[in-house]
Protein backbone atom coordinates (compact mmCIF):
# COMPACT_ATOMS: atom_id res chain seq x y z
CA UNK A 1 -146.80 -32.71 -155.06
CA UNK A 2 -145.19 -30.20 -157.43
CA UNK A 3 -148.04 -27.71 -157.11
CA UNK A 4 -147.43 -24.37 -155.42
CA UNK A 5 -151.15 -23.68 -154.93
CA UNK A 6 -151.32 -24.66 -151.28
CA UNK A 7 -154.76 -23.14 -150.83
CA UNK A 8 -156.25 -25.24 -153.64
CA UNK A 9 -154.75 -28.40 -152.17
CA UNK A 10 -156.16 -27.46 -148.77
CA UNK A 11 -159.66 -26.93 -150.20
CA UNK A 12 -159.58 -30.28 -151.99
CA UNK A 13 -158.24 -32.21 -148.99
CA UNK A 14 -160.70 -30.50 -146.65
CA UNK A 15 -163.58 -31.42 -148.97
CA UNK A 16 -162.54 -35.08 -148.88
CA UNK A 17 -162.12 -34.98 -145.11
CA UNK A 18 -165.57 -33.43 -144.62
CA UNK A 19 -167.13 -36.03 -146.90
CA UNK A 20 -165.58 -38.83 -144.86
CA UNK A 21 -166.19 -37.05 -141.55
CA UNK A 22 -169.29 -34.87 -141.78
CA UNK A 23 -169.59 -34.90 -137.99
CA UNK A 24 -169.13 -31.66 -136.06
CA UNK A 25 -166.25 -32.98 -133.95
CA UNK A 26 -162.58 -33.77 -134.39
CA UNK A 27 -160.79 -36.28 -132.22
CA UNK A 28 -157.67 -36.79 -130.12
CA UNK A 29 -156.22 -39.47 -127.85
CA UNK A 30 -154.37 -39.57 -124.54
CA UNK A 31 -151.50 -42.04 -124.42
CA UNK A 32 -147.81 -42.36 -123.68
CA UNK A 33 -144.86 -43.52 -125.75
CA UNK A 34 -142.78 -45.89 -123.66
CA UNK A 35 -139.44 -46.84 -125.16
CA UNK A 36 -138.60 -50.10 -123.39
CA UNK A 37 -135.04 -50.03 -124.77
CA UNK A 38 -132.84 -47.75 -126.83
CA UNK A 39 -130.35 -50.49 -127.73
CA UNK A 40 -130.57 -51.05 -131.47
CA UNK A 41 -128.68 -52.66 -134.34
CA UNK A 42 -130.85 -50.97 -137.00
CA UNK A 43 -128.20 -48.47 -138.03
CA UNK A 44 -130.76 -45.83 -139.04
CA UNK A 45 -129.01 -42.65 -140.16
CA UNK A 46 -132.01 -40.51 -139.24
CA UNK A 47 -132.16 -41.61 -135.60
CA UNK A 48 -130.72 -39.62 -132.69
CA UNK A 49 -132.30 -41.83 -130.02
CA UNK A 50 -130.83 -45.30 -130.38
CA UNK A 51 -127.56 -46.62 -128.96
CA UNK A 52 -125.43 -49.49 -130.19
CA UNK A 53 -125.01 -52.62 -128.04
CA UNK A 54 -122.39 -51.97 -125.36
CA UNK A 55 -122.90 -48.20 -125.34
CA UNK A 56 -122.90 -46.94 -121.72
CA UNK A 57 -126.02 -44.89 -122.51
CA UNK A 58 -127.93 -47.96 -123.65
CA UNK A 59 -130.74 -49.23 -121.43
CA UNK A 60 -133.52 -51.74 -121.03
CA UNK A 61 -136.25 -50.16 -118.93
CA UNK A 62 -136.79 -52.00 -115.62
CA UNK A 63 -140.24 -53.61 -115.48
CA UNK A 64 -141.15 -51.72 -112.29
CA UNK A 65 -140.33 -48.38 -113.89
CA UNK A 66 -142.31 -49.24 -117.01
CA UNK A 67 -145.39 -50.17 -114.98
CA UNK A 68 -145.07 -46.93 -113.00
CA UNK A 69 -145.16 -44.98 -116.27
CA UNK A 70 -148.42 -46.75 -117.15
CA UNK A 71 -149.86 -45.94 -113.72
CA UNK A 72 -149.12 -42.25 -114.32
CA UNK A 73 -150.73 -42.47 -117.77
CA UNK A 74 -153.93 -43.99 -116.39
CA UNK A 75 -154.04 -41.30 -113.69
CA UNK A 76 -153.95 -38.65 -116.43
CA UNK A 77 -156.86 -40.26 -118.28
CA UNK A 78 -154.87 -42.36 -120.73
CA UNK A 79 -156.23 -45.67 -121.98
CA UNK A 80 -153.33 -46.77 -124.16
CA UNK A 81 -149.56 -47.08 -124.23
CA UNK A 82 -147.30 -47.19 -127.26
CA UNK A 83 -144.52 -49.71 -126.63
CA UNK A 84 -141.58 -49.27 -128.99
CA UNK A 85 -137.87 -49.83 -128.68
CA UNK A 86 -134.75 -50.54 -130.62
CA UNK A 87 -133.86 -53.77 -132.38
CA UNK A 88 -132.18 -55.28 -129.33
CA UNK A 89 -129.96 -58.23 -130.34
CA UNK A 90 -130.36 -60.18 -127.10
CA UNK A 91 -134.08 -59.98 -126.29
CA UNK A 92 -136.09 -62.98 -127.49
CA UNK A 93 -139.80 -63.60 -128.00
CA UNK A 94 -140.49 -64.89 -124.44
CA UNK A 95 -139.17 -61.59 -123.04
CA UNK A 96 -141.70 -59.64 -125.12
CA UNK A 97 -144.51 -62.02 -124.20
CA UNK A 98 -143.76 -61.58 -120.51
CA UNK A 99 -143.64 -57.80 -120.93
CA UNK A 100 -147.10 -57.64 -122.53
CA UNK A 101 -148.52 -60.13 -120.02
CA UNK A 102 -147.18 -58.04 -117.11
CA UNK A 103 -148.81 -54.90 -118.48
CA UNK A 104 -152.17 -56.58 -119.07
CA UNK A 105 -152.11 -58.28 -115.68
CA UNK A 106 -151.55 -54.97 -113.91
CA UNK A 107 -153.69 -52.80 -116.21
CA UNK A 108 -156.19 -55.04 -118.07
CA UNK A 109 -158.16 -52.13 -119.57
CA UNK A 110 -155.12 -50.39 -121.09
CA UNK A 111 -154.58 -51.11 -124.78
CA UNK A 112 -151.06 -52.17 -125.67
CA UNK A 113 -150.27 -50.52 -129.00
CA UNK A 114 -146.95 -52.20 -129.45
CA UNK A 115 -143.96 -53.16 -131.56
CA UNK A 116 -143.57 -51.68 -135.03
CA UNK A 117 -143.29 -54.01 -138.05
CA UNK A 118 -139.46 -53.84 -138.05
CA UNK A 119 -139.47 -54.86 -134.39
CA UNK A 120 -141.76 -57.80 -135.15
CA UNK A 121 -139.50 -58.88 -138.02
CA UNK A 122 -136.44 -58.53 -135.77
CA UNK A 123 -138.03 -60.54 -132.94
CA UNK A 124 -138.79 -63.32 -135.42
CA UNK A 125 -135.26 -63.26 -136.81
CA UNK A 126 -133.41 -63.37 -133.47
CA UNK A 127 -135.86 -65.90 -131.98
CA UNK A 128 -135.72 -68.31 -134.91
CA UNK A 129 -139.48 -68.31 -135.47
CA UNK A 130 -141.85 -66.98 -138.12
CA UNK A 131 -143.46 -63.55 -138.12
CA UNK A 132 -146.83 -65.28 -137.85
CA UNK A 133 -145.77 -67.08 -134.67
CA UNK A 134 -144.50 -63.84 -133.14
CA UNK A 135 -147.79 -62.08 -133.87
CA UNK A 136 -149.94 -64.96 -132.65
CA UNK A 137 -148.03 -65.28 -129.39
CA UNK A 138 -147.98 -61.55 -128.71
CA UNK A 139 -151.69 -61.32 -129.47
CA UNK A 140 -152.34 -64.17 -127.03
CA UNK A 141 -150.25 -62.30 -124.45
CA UNK A 142 -152.46 -59.23 -124.83
CA UNK A 143 -151.12 -57.14 -127.71
CA UNK A 144 -154.02 -54.97 -128.84
CA UNK A 145 -152.84 -53.12 -131.94
CA UNK A 146 -149.79 -52.60 -134.12
CA UNK A 147 -148.17 -49.18 -134.56
CA UNK A 148 -147.04 -48.28 -138.05
CA UNK A 149 -143.58 -47.03 -137.10
CA UNK A 150 -140.43 -47.90 -138.98
CA UNK A 151 -142.03 -47.33 -142.38
CA UNK A 152 -140.10 -44.14 -143.13
CA UNK A 153 -140.36 -44.38 -146.94
CA UNK A 154 -141.49 -47.74 -148.32
CA UNK A 155 -139.05 -47.76 -151.20
CA UNK A 156 -136.00 -49.99 -150.91
CA UNK A 157 -133.64 -47.50 -152.57
CA UNK A 158 -134.40 -45.08 -149.76
CA UNK A 159 -134.34 -47.75 -147.08
CA UNK A 160 -130.88 -48.94 -148.10
CA UNK A 161 -129.61 -45.43 -147.48
CA UNK A 162 -131.72 -44.57 -144.43
CA UNK A 163 -131.95 -47.84 -142.50
CA UNK A 164 -129.80 -50.54 -144.10
CA UNK A 165 -130.17 -53.09 -141.28
CA UNK A 166 -133.93 -52.82 -140.85
CA UNK A 167 -136.93 -54.53 -142.45
CA UNK A 168 -137.31 -54.14 -146.20
CA UNK A 169 -140.39 -52.61 -147.79
CA UNK A 170 -141.93 -56.02 -148.48
CA UNK A 171 -141.16 -57.25 -144.95
CA UNK A 172 -142.79 -54.18 -143.39
CA UNK A 173 -145.91 -54.68 -145.48
CA UNK A 174 -145.98 -58.43 -144.86
CA UNK A 175 -145.95 -57.99 -141.08
CA UNK A 176 -148.97 -55.71 -141.40
CA UNK A 177 -150.66 -58.10 -143.85
CA UNK A 178 -150.32 -61.03 -141.44
CA UNK A 179 -151.49 -58.97 -138.47
CA UNK A 180 -154.54 -57.81 -140.40
CA UNK A 181 -155.29 -61.41 -141.43
CA UNK A 182 -155.54 -62.26 -137.72
CA UNK A 183 -158.15 -59.56 -137.27
CA UNK A 184 -155.58 -57.14 -135.91
CA UNK A 185 -155.65 -53.43 -136.62
CA UNK A 186 -152.96 -50.76 -136.62
CA UNK A 187 -151.70 -47.53 -138.08
CA UNK A 188 -149.46 -46.62 -141.02
CA UNK A 189 -146.87 -43.86 -141.09
CA UNK A 190 -144.51 -41.92 -143.31
CA UNK A 191 -141.42 -39.96 -142.29
CA UNK A 192 -140.47 -37.74 -145.22
CA UNK A 193 -138.11 -34.94 -146.10
CA UNK A 194 -134.72 -36.67 -146.25
CA UNK A 195 -133.31 -38.55 -149.27
CA UNK A 196 -136.56 -39.55 -151.02
CA UNK A 197 -137.94 -37.96 -154.17
CA UNK A 198 -141.49 -36.67 -154.53
CA UNK A 199 -142.25 -39.69 -156.74
CA UNK A 200 -141.02 -41.98 -153.95
CA UNK A 201 -143.38 -40.34 -151.47
CA UNK A 202 -146.20 -41.26 -153.84
CA UNK A 203 -144.82 -44.79 -154.25
CA UNK A 204 -144.98 -45.07 -150.44
CA UNK A 205 -148.61 -43.97 -150.44
CA UNK A 206 -149.39 -46.41 -153.26
CA UNK A 207 -147.94 -49.37 -151.34
CA UNK A 208 -150.08 -48.47 -148.32
CA UNK A 209 -153.18 -47.86 -150.42
CA UNK A 210 -152.80 -51.22 -152.17
CA UNK A 211 -152.44 -53.13 -148.90
CA UNK A 212 -155.41 -51.29 -147.43
CA UNK A 213 -157.48 -52.33 -150.46
CA UNK A 214 -156.43 -55.91 -149.75
CA UNK A 215 -156.91 -56.06 -145.97
CA UNK A 216 -158.72 -52.96 -144.68
CA UNK A 217 -156.63 -53.27 -141.54
CA UNK A 218 -155.16 -49.78 -141.24
CA UNK A 219 -156.98 -47.49 -138.83
CA UNK A 220 -155.10 -44.30 -139.68
CA UNK A 221 -152.23 -42.67 -141.52
CA UNK A 222 -149.72 -40.39 -139.80
CA UNK A 223 -147.04 -38.42 -141.66
CA UNK A 224 -144.29 -36.26 -140.20
CA UNK A 225 -141.16 -34.48 -141.35
CA UNK A 226 -137.64 -35.73 -140.72
CA UNK A 227 -135.89 -33.92 -137.87
CA UNK A 228 -132.16 -33.72 -138.72
CA UNK A 229 -130.58 -32.38 -135.52
CA UNK A 230 -128.18 -34.78 -133.75
CA UNK A 231 -128.53 -37.39 -136.52
CA UNK A 232 -126.08 -38.60 -139.18
CA UNK A 233 -127.96 -36.38 -141.62
CA UNK A 234 -127.52 -33.02 -139.89
CA UNK A 235 -126.55 -31.48 -143.24
CA UNK A 236 -130.01 -32.10 -144.71
CA UNK A 237 -132.42 -29.14 -144.62
CA UNK A 238 -135.34 -29.31 -142.22
CA UNK A 239 -138.71 -29.11 -143.95
CA UNK A 240 -141.19 -26.63 -142.57
CA UNK A 241 -144.94 -26.23 -142.35
CA UNK A 242 -145.45 -25.58 -146.08
CA UNK A 243 -144.01 -28.94 -147.14
CA UNK A 244 -145.75 -30.72 -144.27
CA UNK A 245 -149.20 -29.31 -145.03
CA UNK A 246 -148.82 -29.95 -148.76
CA UNK A 247 -147.82 -33.58 -148.19
CA UNK A 248 -150.66 -34.05 -145.72
CA UNK A 249 -153.19 -32.68 -148.22
CA UNK A 250 -151.89 -34.91 -151.03
CA UNK A 251 -152.01 -37.90 -148.65
CA UNK A 252 -155.67 -37.20 -147.89
CA UNK A 253 -156.44 -37.08 -151.62
CA UNK A 254 -154.45 -40.21 -152.46
CA UNK A 255 -155.35 -42.47 -149.55
CA UNK A 256 -159.03 -42.65 -150.42
CA UNK A 257 -159.43 -45.93 -148.48
CA UNK A 258 -158.02 -44.62 -145.19
CA UNK A 259 -160.70 -43.36 -142.86
CA UNK A 260 -158.45 -41.29 -140.61
CA UNK A 261 -155.47 -38.98 -140.97
CA UNK A 262 -153.64 -37.60 -137.94
CA UNK A 263 -152.07 -34.19 -137.56
CA UNK A 264 -148.41 -34.13 -136.51
CA UNK A 265 -148.25 -31.37 -133.93
CA UNK A 266 -145.33 -33.20 -132.28
CA UNK A 267 -142.99 -32.16 -135.12
CA UNK A 268 -144.80 -29.02 -136.32
CA UNK A 269 -146.19 -27.45 -133.17
CA UNK A 270 -149.79 -27.07 -132.03
CA UNK A 271 -150.67 -24.17 -134.36
CA UNK A 272 -149.68 -26.11 -137.49
CA UNK A 273 -151.38 -29.15 -136.01
CA UNK A 274 -154.50 -27.04 -135.79
CA UNK A 275 -154.11 -25.93 -139.42
CA UNK A 276 -153.79 -29.59 -140.39
CA UNK A 277 -157.48 -29.95 -139.52
CA UNK A 278 -158.13 -27.87 -142.67
CA UNK A 279 -155.60 -29.78 -144.77
CA UNK A 280 -157.20 -33.22 -144.57
CA UNK A 281 -156.59 -34.37 -140.99
CA UNK A 282 -159.59 -35.32 -138.87
CA UNK A 283 -157.62 -36.18 -135.75
CA UNK A 284 -155.11 -34.28 -133.62
CA UNK A 285 -153.26 -37.43 -132.65
CA UNK A 286 -152.15 -38.13 -129.13
CA UNK A 287 -151.43 -35.90 -126.19
CA UNK A 288 -148.19 -37.96 -125.92
CA UNK A 289 -147.52 -37.71 -122.20
CA UNK A 290 -144.02 -38.94 -123.05
CA UNK A 291 -142.13 -38.85 -126.35
CA UNK A 292 -138.39 -39.49 -126.65
CA UNK A 293 -137.46 -40.29 -130.26
CA UNK A 294 -138.42 -37.01 -131.95
CA UNK A 295 -137.21 -35.09 -128.89
CA UNK A 296 -133.77 -36.71 -129.23
CA UNK A 297 -133.54 -35.08 -132.68
CA UNK A 298 -133.94 -31.65 -131.15
CA UNK A 299 -137.67 -31.09 -131.65
CA UNK A 300 -139.70 -30.99 -128.48
CA UNK A 301 -143.21 -29.60 -128.66
CA UNK A 302 -145.35 -30.25 -125.60
CA UNK A 303 -149.01 -29.59 -124.90
CA UNK A 304 -151.82 -30.40 -122.48
CA UNK A 305 -155.21 -31.98 -123.01
CA UNK A 306 -156.85 -28.58 -122.44
CA UNK A 307 -154.64 -27.01 -125.12
CA UNK A 308 -155.47 -29.73 -127.65
CA UNK A 309 -159.18 -29.28 -126.93
CA UNK A 310 -158.86 -25.51 -127.29
CA UNK A 311 -157.02 -25.91 -130.61
CA UNK A 312 -159.79 -28.14 -131.98
CA UNK A 313 -162.44 -25.70 -130.77
CA UNK A 314 -160.64 -22.74 -132.34
CA UNK A 315 -160.57 -24.64 -135.65
CA UNK A 316 -164.37 -24.74 -135.56
CA UNK A 317 -164.98 -28.23 -134.22
CA UNK A 318 -166.04 -29.91 -131.00
CA UNK A 319 -163.17 -31.85 -129.39
CA UNK A 320 -163.89 -35.52 -128.68
CA UNK A 321 -161.59 -38.02 -127.01
CA UNK A 322 -161.19 -41.38 -128.78
CA UNK A 323 -159.52 -44.76 -128.39
CA UNK A 324 -156.90 -46.30 -130.68
CA UNK A 325 -159.60 -47.83 -132.90
CA UNK A 326 -161.23 -44.40 -133.33
CA UNK A 327 -164.18 -45.24 -131.13
CA UNK A 328 -165.33 -41.91 -129.72
CA UNK A 329 -165.79 -41.57 -125.96
CA UNK A 330 -169.00 -40.23 -124.50
CA UNK A 331 -169.16 -36.44 -124.71
């Protein structure tokens, strides 16, 4: 992480990526991020999206509007939605069950990639039930996979500063552990470039690597840089492509038990996303028909499926569409 030889890191990460993925293609997905509420008691200093309870800008998305967003996603070739929201103090487990059931009833073939580990922990806390019960009931309702959001940096010193009212490191990992024990799969993430040290970035990777050794339940790792605009940390410098690509390359070298690494074109732009395919990433991530959280922090890159495919082609690979479990669609 302290090296300045970016080219050497790229060569090493690319060698590992090619060993794990000798195929001639690189993948991408078409989905939509649907934020069912922005009301949140998490108190995250890095967030420009959430609103406190009682704020006039707070909302809970009407069910009809949410289902219409899914209809639009399916029409554009999407096969998955990412359901994430704030830590709403008044919504209980039956509300979430009914939400997932409504989606699966209307769109049975769409995968619900829903509710980050801090949301699961919060639902358990406000509903007076265990994390295991929350996961079992949501899985029975139709939850297909668990997104790895809310990890930020899995070091409690950092979390106390960044998100003091949200799940601890051990709670985040335990939600994933229990989900994996049920046969569930999901992603892992890292948001870096704020108050963590380089050593704490590695500690984050080590916690993920250890749990993956234990469960094998993580499908992919996604890292992105903190976007400071409109947050409580506007005075922090914004990391650029150099720091992003270096951290991505080190992640590919360190996470030897993760099959897939995604590029973060949403925070870095499509050209750097394309470069990420030579720095250890084997996947361009999602088209993201809708994305609100990063955009609220002043970063708003947009692209089309054709542009993602062209970027993969220009990097020397054949573009292939995939599902959330990294099953590749027919060419």
